[in-house]
N, C-alpha and C. Protein backbone atom coordinates (compact mmCIF):
# COMPACT_ATOMS: atom_id res chain seq x y z
N UNK A 1 1.76 21.99 -21.13
CA UNK A 1 1.23 20.46 -20.86
C UNK A 1 1.99 19.37 -19.98
N UNK A 2 3.67 20.17 -20.20
CA UNK A 2 4.12 18.63 -19.71
C UNK A 2 3.80 18.88 -18.50
N UNK A 3 3.54 19.36 -17.66
CA UNK A 3 3.73 20.47 -15.74
C UNK A 3 2.30 19.17 -15.57
N UNK A 4 1.31 19.66 -16.18
CA UNK A 4 0.26 19.00 -16.01
C UNK A 4 -0.43 17.41 -15.28
N UNK A 5 0.74 16.79 -16.21
CA UNK A 5 1.15 15.02 -16.15
C UNK A 5 2.28 14.72 -15.16
N UNK A 6 1.63 13.63 -14.77
CA UNK A 6 3.25 12.98 -13.81
C UNK A 6 4.73 13.44 -14.72
N UNK A 7 5.61 13.09 -13.83
CA UNK A 7 6.74 13.37 -14.08
C UNK A 7 6.69 12.04 -15.15
N UNK A 8 6.97 10.82 -15.79
CA UNK A 8 7.11 9.85 -16.23
C UNK A 8 6.07 9.37 -17.59
N UNK A 9 4.91 10.24 -17.36
CA UNK A 9 3.68 10.58 -18.38
C UNK A 9 4.62 11.48 -19.36
N UNK A 10 4.65 12.61 -18.55
CA UNK A 10 4.92 13.46 -19.11
C UNK A 10 6.33 13.65 -20.45
N UNK A 11 6.98 12.74 -19.59
CA UNK A 11 8.77 12.13 -20.52
C UNK A 11 8.06 11.28 -21.30
N UNK A 12 7.35 9.91 -21.13
CA UNK A 12 6.95 9.26 -22.29
C UNK A 12 6.23 9.81 -23.79
N UNK A 13 5.28 10.63 -23.06
CA UNK A 13 4.22 11.93 -24.86
C UNK A 13 5.15 12.54 -24.78
N UNK A 14 6.57 12.96 -24.06
CA UNK A 14 7.57 13.74 -25.14
C UNK A 14 7.92 13.20 -25.87
N UNK A 15 8.50 12.14 -25.60
CA UNK A 15 9.51 11.33 -26.72
C UNK A 15 8.33 10.73 -28.25
N UNK A 16 7.61 10.17 -27.21
CA UNK A 16 6.73 10.46 -28.64
C UNK A 16 5.55 11.15 -29.30
N UNK A 17 6.07 12.67 -29.81
CA UNK A 17 6.40 13.28 -30.33
C UNK A 17 7.44 13.57 -30.68
N UNK A 18 8.08 12.95 -30.33
CA UNK A 18 9.85 13.57 -30.89
C UNK A 18 9.93 12.12 -32.31
N UNK A 19 9.87 11.38 -31.93
CA UNK A 19 9.28 10.16 -32.66
C UNK A 19 8.45 10.71 -33.99
N UNK A 20 6.93 10.99 -33.72
CA UNK A 20 6.03 10.90 -34.76
C UNK A 20 6.78 12.24 -35.48
N UNK A 21 7.30 13.23 -34.54
CA UNK A 21 7.96 14.76 -35.18
C UNK A 21 9.11 14.04 -36.99
N UNK A 22 9.34 12.71 -35.99
CA UNK A 22 10.71 12.05 -36.75
C UNK A 22 9.76 10.93 -38.23
N UNK A 23 8.39 11.17 -38.23
CA UNK A 23 7.73 10.44 -38.46
C UNK A 23 8.35 8.91 -38.42
N UNK A 24 8.80 8.10 -37.62
CA UNK A 24 9.21 7.06 -36.42
C UNK A 24 8.55 6.42 -35.51
N UNK A 25 7.36 7.10 -35.69
CA UNK A 25 6.21 6.54 -34.53
C UNK A 25 6.10 5.69 -34.21
N UNK A 26 6.62 3.97 -35.14
CA UNK A 26 6.62 2.72 -34.94
C UNK A 26 7.47 3.11 -33.74
N UNK A 27 8.55 3.76 -34.18
CA UNK A 27 9.52 2.92 -33.07
C UNK A 27 10.05 3.37 -31.49
N UNK A 28 8.51 4.66 -30.99
CA UNK A 28 8.48 5.13 -30.05
C UNK A 28 8.39 3.82 -28.92
N UNK A 29 9.40 4.39 -27.44
CA UNK A 29 9.29 3.97 -27.06
C UNK A 29 8.25 3.97 -25.93
N UNK A 30 8.07 1.56 -25.63
CA UNK A 30 6.96 1.86 -25.11
C UNK A 30 6.96 1.17 -23.24
N UNK A 31 5.97 1.29 -22.70
CA UNK A 31 6.49 0.77 -21.52
C UNK A 31 5.13 -0.76 -21.25
N UNK A 32 6.52 -1.25 -21.65
CA UNK A 32 5.32 -2.76 -21.40
C UNK A 32 5.69 -3.80 -20.04
N UNK A 33 6.15 -3.21 -19.38
CA UNK A 33 5.82 -3.66 -17.96
C UNK A 33 4.17 -3.81 -16.98
N UNK A 34 4.49 -5.21 -16.56
CA UNK A 34 2.53 -5.61 -16.04
C UNK A 34 2.04 -4.19 -15.01
N UNK A 35 0.61 -4.15 -15.08
CA UNK A 35 0.02 -3.51 -14.18
C UNK A 35 -0.83 -4.31 -13.52
N UNK A 36 -0.15 -5.04 -12.87
CA UNK A 36 -1.13 -5.84 -12.55
C UNK A 36 -0.42 -8.10 -11.70
N UNK A 37 -0.84 -8.13 -10.46
CA UNK A 37 0.46 -9.37 -11.00
C UNK A 37 -1.04 -10.02 -9.73
N UNK A 38 -0.90 -11.72 -11.26
CA UNK A 38 -1.49 -12.60 -10.24
C UNK A 38 -1.49 -12.89 -8.85
N UNK A 39 -2.73 -13.31 -8.00
CA UNK A 39 -1.77 -13.91 -7.03
C UNK A 39 -1.09 -15.38 -6.75
N UNK A 40 -0.55 -15.85 -6.05
CA UNK A 40 0.96 -17.35 -6.37
C UNK A 40 -0.46 -18.56 -6.05
N UNK A 41 -1.51 -17.67 -4.62
CA UNK A 41 -2.27 -18.91 -4.59
C UNK A 41 -4.39 -18.85 -5.39
N UNK A 42 -4.29 -19.59 -6.95
CA UNK A 42 -5.45 -18.73 -7.35
C UNK A 42 -6.77 -19.24 -5.62
N UNK A 43 -6.41 -19.81 -5.94
CA UNK A 43 -8.08 -20.86 -4.83
C UNK A 43 -8.12 -21.04 -3.19
N UNK A 44 -7.52 -19.92 -3.26
CA UNK A 44 -7.22 -20.29 -1.66
C UNK A 44 -8.11 -18.93 -0.66
N UNK A 45 -9.54 -19.79 -0.09
CA UNK A 45 -10.70 -20.05 0.42
C UNK A 45 -11.36 -17.90 0.49
N UNK A 46 -9.96 -17.66 1.20
CA UNK A 46 -10.29 -16.30 2.83
C UNK A 46 -10.01 -15.50 1.60
N UNK A 47 -8.91 -15.21 0.82
CA UNK A 47 -8.56 -14.33 -0.43
C UNK A 47 -9.94 -13.86 -1.34
N UNK A 48 -10.14 -15.16 -1.82
CA UNK A 48 -11.43 -15.25 -2.64
C UNK A 48 -12.84 -14.55 -1.99
N UNK A 49 -12.70 -14.96 -1.08
CA UNK A 49 -14.17 -14.18 -0.94
C UNK A 49 -14.17 -12.57 -0.27
N UNK A 50 -12.89 -12.05 0.02
CA UNK A 50 -12.37 -10.92 0.59
C UNK A 50 -12.53 -9.95 -0.52
N UNK A 51 -11.82 -10.70 -2.17
CA UNK A 51 -12.21 -10.41 -3.22
C UNK A 51 -13.80 -9.98 -4.12
N UNK A 52 -14.55 -10.88 -3.70
CA UNK A 52 -16.02 -11.00 -4.14
C UNK A 52 -16.42 -9.73 -3.72
N UNK A 53 -16.13 -9.33 -1.79
CA UNK A 53 -16.80 -8.94 -0.97
C UNK A 53 -16.58 -7.10 -1.49
N UNK A 54 -15.20 -6.52 -1.99
CA UNK A 54 -13.91 -5.40 -2.09
C UNK A 54 -15.22 -5.30 -3.77
N UNK A 55 -15.44 -6.98 -4.86
CA UNK A 55 -15.48 -6.20 -5.74
C UNK A 55 -16.91 -6.16 -6.24
N UNK A 56 -18.01 -6.58 -4.92
CA UNK A 56 -19.37 -5.76 -4.58
C UNK A 56 -19.55 -4.53 -4.16
N UNK A 57 -18.78 -4.18 -3.91
CA UNK A 57 -19.46 -2.59 -2.84
C UNK A 57 -18.76 -1.91 -3.52
N UNK A 58 -17.27 -2.27 -4.09
CA UNK A 58 -16.81 -0.72 -4.71
C UNK A 58 -17.16 -0.91 -6.73
N UNK A 59 -18.39 -1.57 -6.62
CA UNK A 59 -19.17 -1.96 -8.25
C UNK A 59 -17.33 -2.02 -9.74
N UNK A 60 -16.09 -2.89 -8.60
CA UNK A 60 -15.69 -3.68 -9.52
C UNK A 60 -16.35 -4.57 -10.85
N UNK A 61 -15.18 -4.28 -12.54
CA UNK A 61 -15.35 -4.97 -13.46
C UNK A 61 -15.52 -6.10 -13.04
N UNK A 62 -14.01 -6.41 -12.29
CA UNK A 62 -13.22 -7.49 -12.56
C UNK A 62 -12.34 -7.95 -10.84
N UNK A 63 -11.56 -8.56 -10.98
CA UNK A 63 -10.15 -8.10 -9.93
C UNK A 63 -8.96 -8.22 -10.14
N UNK A 64 -8.87 -7.89 -12.48
CA UNK A 64 -7.95 -7.30 -12.59
C UNK A 64 -7.74 -6.59 -11.76
N UNK A 65 -9.17 -5.47 -11.36
CA UNK A 65 -8.78 -4.22 -11.12
C UNK A 65 -7.97 -4.10 -9.41
N UNK A 66 -8.42 -5.41 -8.50
CA UNK A 66 -8.42 -5.39 -7.56
C UNK A 66 -6.37 -5.77 -7.22
N UNK A 67 -6.52 -6.14 -8.15
CA UNK A 67 -5.19 -7.04 -8.29
C UNK A 67 -4.01 -6.20 -8.52
N UNK A 68 -4.47 -4.70 -9.48
CA UNK A 68 -3.84 -4.08 -10.21
C UNK A 68 -3.08 -3.02 -8.86
N UNK A 69 -4.23 -2.42 -8.34
CA UNK A 69 -4.05 -1.18 -7.00
C UNK A 69 -3.02 -2.30 -5.95
N UNK A 70 -3.28 -3.66 -5.99
CA UNK A 70 -2.58 -4.23 -4.94
C UNK A 70 -1.05 -4.43 -4.84
N UNK A 71 -0.58 -4.45 -6.44
CA UNK A 71 0.49 -4.40 -6.70
C UNK A 71 1.07 -2.97 -6.46
N UNK A 72 0.29 -2.07 -7.16
CA UNK A 72 0.33 -0.35 -6.67
C UNK A 72 0.83 0.08 -4.55
N UNK A 73 -0.26 -1.48 -4.61
CA UNK A 73 0.23 -0.26 -2.67
C UNK A 73 1.31 -1.51 -2.34
N UNK A 74 1.19 -2.60 -2.76
CA UNK A 74 2.94 -3.45 -2.87
C UNK A 74 4.32 -2.68 -2.52
N UNK A 75 4.24 -2.01 -3.72
CA UNK A 75 5.62 -1.09 -4.44
C UNK A 75 5.21 0.30 -3.35
N UNK A 76 4.32 0.67 -3.48
CA UNK A 76 4.46 1.65 -1.87
C UNK A 76 5.26 1.39 -0.22
N UNK A 77 4.75 0.15 -0.40
CA UNK A 77 5.02 -0.45 1.13
C UNK A 77 6.24 -0.55 0.65
N UNK A 78 6.80 -0.90 -0.41
CA UNK A 78 8.52 -1.30 -0.46
C UNK A 78 9.20 -0.62 -0.14
N UNK A 79 8.95 1.13 -1.17
CA UNK A 79 9.49 2.07 -1.04
C UNK A 79 10.35 2.42 0.96
N UNK A 80 7.96 2.32 0.82
CA UNK A 80 8.46 2.90 2.82
C UNK A 80 9.46 2.46 3.64
N UNK A 81 9.33 0.70 3.57
CA UNK A 81 9.90 -0.56 4.16
C UNK A 81 12.10 -0.13 3.80
N UNK A 82 12.39 0.84 2.59
CA UNK A 82 13.66 1.22 2.22
C UNK A 82 13.94 1.84 2.88
N UNK A 83 13.16 2.91 3.22
CA UNK A 83 13.38 4.37 3.42
C UNK A 83 13.93 3.96 5.12
N UNK A 84 12.69 3.97 6.26
CA UNK A 84 13.21 3.68 7.17
C UNK A 84 13.92 2.52 7.91
N UNK A 85 14.42 1.57 6.78
CA UNK A 85 15.73 1.37 7.40
C UNK A 85 17.16 2.13 7.61
N UNK A 86 16.80 2.76 6.66
CA UNK A 86 17.92 4.47 6.83
C UNK A 86 17.45 4.90 7.87
N UNK A 87 18.42 6.07 8.26
CA UNK A 87 18.96 7.07 9.35
C UNK A 87 17.90 8.04 10.06
N UNK A 88 16.88 8.56 10.83
CA UNK A 88 15.60 9.05 10.47
C UNK A 88 16.53 10.28 9.46
N UNK A 89 17.95 11.42 10.16
CA UNK A 89 18.64 12.53 9.15
C UNK A 89 18.88 12.13 7.83
N UNK A 90 18.93 10.81 7.67
CA UNK A 90 19.21 10.56 6.09
C UNK A 90 18.95 11.07 5.11
N UNK A 91 19.35 11.97 3.71
CA UNK A 91 18.76 12.86 3.45
C UNK A 91 18.53 12.13 2.41
N UNK A 92 18.38 11.05 1.88
CA UNK A 92 17.50 10.07 0.76
C UNK A 92 16.12 10.18 1.35
N UNK A 93 15.93 9.51 2.36
CA UNK A 93 14.85 9.29 4.02
C UNK A 93 14.45 10.89 3.78
N UNK A 94 14.90 11.52 3.85
CA UNK A 94 13.93 13.73 4.03
C UNK A 94 13.19 13.40 3.01
N UNK A 95 14.05 13.49 1.78
CA UNK A 95 13.78 14.34 0.33
C UNK A 95 12.77 13.12 -0.35
N UNK A 96 12.76 11.43 -0.07
CA UNK A 96 12.31 10.69 -1.50
C UNK A 96 10.67 10.42 0.13
N UNK A 97 11.07 10.14 1.30
CA UNK A 97 10.31 10.19 2.19
C UNK A 97 9.01 10.99 2.44
N UNK A 98 10.11 12.44 1.99
CA UNK A 98 8.48 13.23 2.19
C UNK A 98 7.36 13.81 0.79
N UNK A 99 8.31 13.23 -0.28
CA UNK A 99 8.36 12.72 -1.37
C UNK A 99 6.71 11.97 -1.33
N UNK A 100 6.89 10.95 -1.19
CA UNK A 100 6.66 9.74 -1.27
C UNK A 100 4.84 10.33 -0.36
N UNK A 101 5.22 10.84 1.05
CA UNK A 101 3.76 11.40 1.62
C UNK A 101 3.02 11.74 1.40
N UNK A 102 3.54 13.68 0.30
CA UNK A 102 3.00 14.42 0.00
C UNK A 102 1.95 13.80 -1.11
N UNK A 103 2.20 13.16 -1.59
CA UNK A 103 1.70 12.62 -2.59
C UNK A 103 0.55 11.31 -2.36
N UNK A 104 0.54 11.00 -1.48
CA UNK A 104 -0.20 9.67 -1.01
C UNK A 104 -1.47 10.62 -0.29
N UNK A 105 -1.28 12.49 0.74
CA UNK A 105 -1.73 13.08 1.00
C UNK A 105 -2.39 13.61 0.08
N UNK A 106 -2.38 14.25 -1.31
CA UNK A 106 -2.49 15.00 -2.14
C UNK A 106 -3.53 13.65 -2.80
N UNK A 107 -3.84 12.57 -3.07
CA UNK A 107 -4.86 11.54 -3.62
C UNK A 107 -5.47 11.70 -2.77
N UNK A 108 -5.12 11.65 -0.87
CA UNK A 108 -6.20 11.27 0.13
C UNK A 108 -5.58 10.06 0.42
N UNK A 109 -5.47 9.32 0.52
CA UNK A 109 -4.70 8.42 0.77
C UNK A 109 -4.56 8.07 1.87
N UNK A 110 -3.12 9.08 2.68
CA UNK A 110 -3.36 9.53 3.80
C UNK A 110 -3.54 11.14 4.08
N UNK A 111 -4.58 11.70 5.81
CA UNK A 111 -4.77 12.77 5.93
C UNK A 111 -3.24 13.52 6.67
N UNK A 112 -3.50 14.46 6.85
CA UNK A 112 -2.29 15.66 8.00
C UNK A 112 -1.77 14.90 9.40
N UNK A 113 -2.61 14.19 9.57
CA UNK A 113 -2.09 13.59 11.04
C UNK A 113 -1.85 12.74 10.83
N UNK A 114 -2.12 11.64 9.75
CA UNK A 114 -0.87 10.73 9.42
C UNK A 114 0.33 10.65 8.41
N UNK A 115 0.75 11.74 9.17
CA UNK A 115 1.99 12.70 7.54
C UNK A 115 3.42 11.83 8.34
N UNK A 116 3.44 9.89 8.46
CA UNK A 116 4.73 9.42 9.03
C UNK A 116 4.79 8.61 8.28
N UNK A 117 6.09 7.69 7.91
CA UNK A 117 6.36 5.98 6.96
C UNK A 117 5.94 5.39 7.60
N UNK A 118 5.68 5.35 8.35
CA UNK A 118 5.53 3.87 9.76
C UNK A 118 3.49 3.91 9.12
N UNK A 119 2.72 4.61 8.62
CA UNK A 119 1.55 4.79 8.44
C UNK A 119 0.97 4.36 7.06
N UNK A 120 1.75 4.36 5.88
CA UNK A 120 1.87 4.39 5.08
C UNK A 120 2.05 2.03 4.63
N UNK A 121 2.72 1.96 5.86
CA UNK A 121 2.97 0.59 5.76
C UNK A 121 1.30 -0.10 6.39
N UNK A 122 0.88 1.24 6.92
CA UNK A 122 -0.53 0.52 7.30
C UNK A 122 -1.37 0.31 6.09
N UNK A 123 -1.44 1.46 5.44
CA UNK A 123 -2.03 1.40 4.32
C UNK A 123 -2.65 0.11 3.77
N UNK A 124 -4.12 0.61 3.55
CA UNK A 124 -5.26 -1.34 2.58
C UNK A 124 -5.05 -0.51 1.55
N UNK A 125 -5.98 -1.71 1.13
CA UNK A 125 -6.33 -1.80 -0.79
C UNK A 125 -7.57 -0.78 -0.78
N UNK A 126 -8.67 -0.95 0.60
CA UNK A 126 -9.61 0.49 0.76
C UNK A 126 -9.20 1.34 0.51
N UNK A 127 -8.04 2.05 0.95
CA UNK A 127 -7.46 3.51 0.61
C UNK A 127 -7.66 3.61 -0.21
N UNK A 128 -7.11 2.89 -1.65
CA UNK A 128 -7.16 3.44 -2.56
C UNK A 128 -8.51 3.82 -3.78
N UNK A 129 -9.15 2.45 -3.25
CA UNK A 129 -10.97 1.70 -3.89
C UNK A 129 -11.61 3.13 -2.80
N UNK A 130 -11.75 4.15 -1.94
CA UNK A 130 -11.85 4.91 -1.59
C UNK A 130 -12.25 5.72 -2.90
N UNK A 131 -10.83 6.03 -3.18
CA UNK A 131 -10.39 7.57 -3.51
C UNK A 131 -10.71 7.38 -5.18
N UNK A 132 -11.26 6.43 -5.84
CA UNK A 132 -11.60 6.14 -7.52
C UNK A 132 -12.74 6.73 -7.59
N UNK A 133 -12.92 7.85 -8.80
CA UNK A 133 -14.09 8.53 -9.96
C UNK A 133 -14.91 8.12 -9.18
N UNK A 134 -15.17 6.52 -9.67
CA UNK A 134 -16.38 5.70 -9.32
C UNK A 134 -17.11 5.93 -7.75
N UNK A 135 -16.36 5.94 -7.14
CA UNK A 135 -16.78 6.00 -5.72
C UNK A 135 -17.63 7.31 -5.19
N UNK A 136 -16.35 8.05 -5.63
CA UNK A 136 -16.44 10.08 -5.89
C UNK A 136 -17.99 10.27 -6.33
N UNK A 137 -18.19 9.85 -6.83
CA UNK A 137 -19.33 10.12 -7.59
C UNK A 137 -20.73 9.04 -7.55
N UNK A 138 -20.62 7.81 -6.40
CA UNK A 138 -21.77 7.84 -6.30
C UNK A 138 -21.24 8.35 -4.29
N UNK A 139 -20.73 8.54 -3.79
CA UNK A 139 -20.42 8.57 -2.75
C UNK A 139 -20.79 10.76 -2.86
N UNK A 140 -20.89 11.00 -4.12
CA UNK A 140 -22.20 13.09 -3.78
C UNK A 140 -23.41 12.73 -4.27
N UNK A 141 -23.43 11.89 -4.40
CA UNK A 141 -24.68 12.08 -4.85
C UNK A 141 -25.30 12.04 -5.64
N UNK A 142 -24.26 11.84 -6.38
CA UNK A 142 -24.81 11.75 -8.22
C UNK A 142 -25.71 10.42 -8.91
N UNK A 143 -24.97 9.25 -8.48
CA UNK A 143 -25.57 8.64 -8.47
C UNK A 143 -26.72 7.70 -7.64
N UNK A 144 -27.22 7.00 -8.45
CA UNK A 144 -28.66 6.40 -7.24
C UNK A 144 -27.81 5.10 -6.95
N UNK A 145 -26.58 4.27 -7.54
CA UNK A 145 -25.95 3.72 -6.31
C UNK A 145 -24.62 3.13 -7.41
N UNK A 146 -22.94 2.47 -6.71
CA UNK A 146 -22.25 2.36 -7.44
C UNK A 146 -21.72 1.56 -8.67
N UNK A 147 -23.17 0.87 -9.24
CA UNK A 147 -23.06 0.44 -10.59
C UNK A 147 -23.57 1.87 -11.49
N UNK A 148 -24.44 1.98 -10.59
CA UNK A 148 -25.07 3.05 -11.39
C UNK A 148 -23.48 4.78 -12.29
N UNK A 149 -23.07 4.51 -11.04
CA UNK A 149 -21.67 5.70 -11.24
C UNK A 149 -21.17 4.92 -12.30
N UNK A 150 -20.33 3.65 -11.88
CA UNK A 150 -19.43 3.25 -13.37
C UNK A 150 -20.77 3.27 -14.86
N UNK A 151 -22.25 3.54 -14.23
CA UNK A 151 -22.46 3.63 -15.87
C UNK A 151 -22.03 5.08 -16.67
N UNK A 152 -22.95 5.86 -14.95
CA UNK A 152 -22.48 7.04 -16.05
C UNK A 152 -21.23 7.83 -16.12
N UNK A 153 -20.15 6.97 -15.96
CA UNK A 153 -18.77 7.80 -16.06
C UNK A 153 -18.39 6.97 -17.89
N UNK A 154 -18.82 5.77 -18.20
CA UNK A 154 -18.40 5.19 -18.51
C UNK A 154 -19.15 5.78 -20.15
N UNK A 155 -20.82 6.36 -19.46
CA UNK A 155 -21.07 6.94 -20.64
C UNK A 155 -20.65 8.98 -21.08
N UNK A 156 -19.67 9.24 -20.84
CA UNK A 156 -18.87 10.05 -20.56
C UNK A 156 -20.47 11.14 -19.55
N UNK A 157 -20.73 10.93 -19.08
CA UNK A 157 -21.76 12.07 -18.22
C UNK A 157 -21.30 12.26 -17.10
N UNK A 158 -19.93 12.09 -16.98
CA UNK A 158 -18.99 13.13 -15.13
C UNK A 158 -18.04 14.04 -15.67
N UNK A 159 -17.56 15.19 -15.36
CA UNK A 159 -16.93 15.70 -15.77
C UNK A 159 -16.07 15.82 -14.29
N UNK A 160 -14.43 16.51 -14.46
CA UNK A 160 -13.79 16.53 -12.65
C UNK A 160 -13.62 17.71 -13.75
N UNK A 161 -13.85 18.75 -12.82
CA UNK A 161 -13.11 20.12 -13.36
C UNK A 161 -13.91 20.84 -14.89
N UNK A 162 -13.30 20.88 -15.63
CA UNK A 162 -13.95 21.37 -17.47
C UNK A 162 -13.84 19.99 -17.91
N UNK A 163 -12.89 19.32 -17.43
CA UNK A 163 -12.42 17.48 -18.46
C UNK A 163 -13.31 16.68 -17.95
N UNK A 164 -14.03 16.28 -19.45
CA UNK A 164 -14.55 14.88 -18.79
C UNK A 164 -14.19 13.93 -19.08
N UNK A 165 -14.21 12.64 -17.35
CA UNK A 165 -14.09 11.67 -17.65
C UNK A 165 -14.66 10.27 -17.58
N UNK A 166 -13.83 9.57 -18.64
CA UNK A 166 -14.44 8.22 -18.67
C UNK A 166 -13.91 6.73 -17.96
N UNK A 167 -13.42 7.01 -17.22
CA UNK A 167 -12.29 6.39 -16.56
C UNK A 167 -12.67 5.91 -15.50
N UNK A 168 -13.82 4.93 -15.08
CA UNK A 168 -13.69 4.38 -13.61
C UNK A 168 -13.13 5.06 -12.41
N UNK A 169 -12.04 4.31 -12.79
CA UNK A 169 -10.50 3.80 -11.99
C UNK A 169 -9.29 4.95 -11.59
N UNK A 170 -10.17 6.50 -12.21
CA UNK A 170 -9.68 7.38 -12.20
C UNK A 170 -9.38 8.36 -10.50
N UNK A 171 -8.69 8.25 -10.16
CA UNK A 171 -8.31 8.57 -8.64
C UNK A 171 -7.88 9.79 -8.26
N UNK A 172 -8.98 10.54 -7.50
CA UNK A 172 -9.34 11.81 -6.88
C UNK A 172 -8.48 12.43 -6.68
N UNK A 173 -8.46 13.66 -6.94
CA UNK A 173 -6.93 14.33 -6.00
C UNK A 173 -7.89 15.33 -5.01
N UNK A 174 -7.14 15.35 -3.78
CA UNK A 174 -8.68 15.80 -2.78
C UNK A 174 -8.51 17.45 -3.47
N UNK A 175 -7.70 17.89 -3.84
CA UNK A 175 -8.01 19.74 -4.23
C UNK A 175 -9.19 19.37 -5.63
N UNK A 176 -9.52 17.94 -6.27
CA UNK A 176 -10.25 18.13 -7.65
C UNK A 176 -11.27 17.31 -7.03
N UNK A 177 -11.37 16.69 -5.96
CA UNK A 177 -13.15 16.30 -5.52
C UNK A 177 -14.68 17.16 -5.15
N UNK A 178 -13.99 18.69 -5.05
CA UNK A 178 -15.41 19.65 -5.19
C UNK A 178 -15.60 19.46 -6.56
N UNK A 179 -14.53 19.22 -7.81
CA UNK A 179 -14.72 19.97 -8.72
C UNK A 179 -15.74 18.63 -9.83
N UNK A 180 -15.85 17.92 -9.26
CA UNK A 180 -17.61 16.69 -9.92
C UNK A 180 -18.29 16.41 -9.77
N UNK A 181 -18.95 16.64 -11.38
CA UNK A 181 -20.38 17.52 -11.92
C UNK A 181 -20.64 16.48 -12.92
N UNK A 182 -21.94 17.06 -13.16
CA UNK A 182 -22.22 15.78 -14.60
C UNK A 182 -22.13 17.34 -15.59
N UNK A 183 -21.34 16.47 -16.71
CA UNK A 183 -20.54 17.16 -17.87
C UNK A 183 -21.56 18.43 -18.57
N UNK A 184 -21.43 19.26 -19.18
CA UNK A 184 -22.15 20.43 -19.54
C UNK A 184 -22.56 19.87 -20.51
N UNK A 185 -22.53 18.45 -21.42
CA UNK A 185 -22.79 18.10 -22.66
C UNK A 185 -24.05 17.61 -21.82
N UNK A 186 -23.67 16.78 -21.18
CA UNK A 186 -25.19 15.47 -20.60
C UNK A 186 -26.22 16.04 -20.42
N UNK A 187 -26.80 15.47 -20.50
CA UNK A 187 -28.65 15.62 -20.84
C UNK A 187 -29.26 15.90 -18.79
N UNK A 188 -28.17 15.24 -17.95
CA UNK A 188 -28.34 15.52 -16.29
C UNK A 188 -27.43 17.01 -16.15
N UNK A 189 -26.89 17.70 -16.79
CA UNK A 189 -25.87 18.68 -16.42
C UNK A 189 -26.24 18.99 -17.40
N UNK A 190 -27.38 19.43 -17.73
CA UNK A 190 -28.36 21.17 -18.79
C UNK A 190 -27.95 20.35 -20.06
N UNK A 191 -27.31 19.23 -20.55
CA UNK A 191 -27.35 19.49 -22.22
C UNK A 191 -28.65 18.93 -23.16
N UNK A 192 -28.56 18.99 -24.67
CA UNK A 192 -29.97 18.56 -24.76
C UNK A 192 -30.00 16.97 -24.41
N UNK A 193 -31.20 16.82 -24.96
CA UNK A 193 -32.16 15.79 -24.65
C UNK A 193 -31.19 14.02 -24.58
N UNK A 194 -31.07 12.59 -24.35
CA UNK A 194 -30.20 12.06 -24.86
C UNK A 194 -30.80 11.27 -25.62
N UNK A 195 -30.45 10.14 -25.74
CA UNK A 195 -30.94 9.34 -27.01
C UNK A 195 -32.35 8.26 -26.69
N UNK A 196 -32.92 8.31 -26.04
CA UNK A 196 -34.41 7.57 -25.50
C UNK A 196 -34.71 9.16 -25.47
N UNK A 197 -34.58 10.06 -24.74
CA UNK A 197 -35.50 11.01 -25.18
C UNK A 197 -35.73 11.42 -26.67
N UNK A 198 -34.91 11.54 -27.33
CA UNK A 198 -35.01 12.17 -28.32
C UNK A 198 -36.27 11.11 -29.48
N UNK A 199 -35.63 10.35 -29.12
CA UNK A 199 -36.12 8.76 -30.16
C UNK A 199 -37.94 9.40 -29.70
N UNK A 200 -37.71 9.21 -28.79
CA UNK A 200 -39.44 9.51 -28.00
C UNK A 200 -40.06 10.22 -28.39
N UNK A 201 -39.09 11.32 -28.34
CA UNK A 201 -40.08 12.50 -28.69
C UNK A 201 -39.91 12.62 -30.51
N UNK A 202 -39.40 11.99 -31.34
CA UNK A 202 -39.86 11.79 -32.56
C UNK A 202 -40.60 10.57 -33.03
N UNK A 203 -40.98 9.89 -31.84
CA UNK A 203 -42.34 9.11 -31.90
C UNK A 203 -43.21 9.77 -32.45
N UNK A 204 -43.64 10.28 -30.56
CA UNK A 204 -44.50 11.51 -31.03
C UNK A 204 -45.01 12.42 -31.71
N UNK A 205 -43.88 12.86 -32.21
CA UNK A 205 -44.15 13.47 -33.23
C UNK A 205 -44.95 13.43 -34.58
N UNK A 206 -44.40 11.98 -35.01
CA UNK A 206 -44.40 11.39 -35.84
C UNK A 206 -46.40 10.54 -35.56
N UNK A 207 -46.60 10.00 -34.39
CA UNK A 207 -48.39 9.99 -33.81
C UNK A 207 -49.26 11.09 -34.10
N UNK A 208 -48.34 12.08 -33.73
CA UNK A 208 -49.20 13.62 -33.89
C UNK A 208 -49.50 14.54 -35.36
N UNK A 209 -48.50 13.60 -36.41
CA UNK A 209 -49.31 13.79 -37.74
C UNK A 209 -49.89 12.80 -38.18
N UNK A 210 -49.83 11.40 -37.89
CA UNK A 210 -51.44 10.65 -38.09
C UNK A 210 -52.02 10.99 -37.60
N UNK A 211 -51.97 11.73 -36.33
CA UNK A 211 -53.25 11.96 -36.22
C UNK A 211 -53.94 13.06 -36.46
N UNK A 212 -53.13 14.17 -37.19
CA UNK A 212 -53.70 15.04 -38.27
C UNK A 212 -53.62 14.52 -39.54
N UNK A 213 -53.02 13.98 -40.11
CA UNK A 213 -53.77 13.45 -41.09
C UNK A 213 -55.22 12.57 -41.71
N UNK A 214 -55.36 11.98 -40.09
CA UNK A 214 -56.40 11.46 -39.99
C UNK A 214 -58.29 11.99 -39.78
N UNK A 215 -57.20 13.36 -39.10
CA UNK A 215 -58.67 14.31 -39.24
C UNK A 215 -58.71 15.17 -39.82
N UNK A 216 -58.12 15.06 -40.62
CA UNK A 216 -58.14 16.40 -42.08
C UNK A 216 -58.98 15.18 -43.19
N UNK A 217 -59.37 13.54 -43.18
CA UNK A 217 -59.56 12.59 -43.88
C UNK A 217 -61.13 13.12 -43.40
């Protein structure tokens, strides 16, 4: 189980399980760090227009989703800048730089022709927005629009592999991209009828029963 998760997520879950086993679940360590950072200038016209365009193009719920990616991107750029200051043959640069690049290639933000730290500094918010599950569902043709894609995901109609994912901001890895499909329990994926269809079927059956009673009279 731990191997399937990232290092920090697996480490946190491991400690949570230990504390729960000891009956000290309330004392389990939590991550209280902020996931987004509010812009310094709240009413900058150019930034507001750019954020509004991104929110509409990628069907985002609010601007916090943009700020969250912006914070992640700034951390990645900072790490790349620090590594670029080191010598080319420095062990730290070789080890951490390759790990950072491999991670970005795995999620599809970088391609194999740009596996250098210089290209990490050129990354944009759009590169990460393209890898969201919501964007991938729309581009794969499973949804009629980017907003319809969000609705399908939130209503648990979409799976990645065998796992149903109901988080629109889920980052899709390259090797998981081909496994995006409708959930087997979803009406779109061959499952049982949905709530509206069941309701209409019940109403039609009730109407037929009423018609049969009238004929008997």
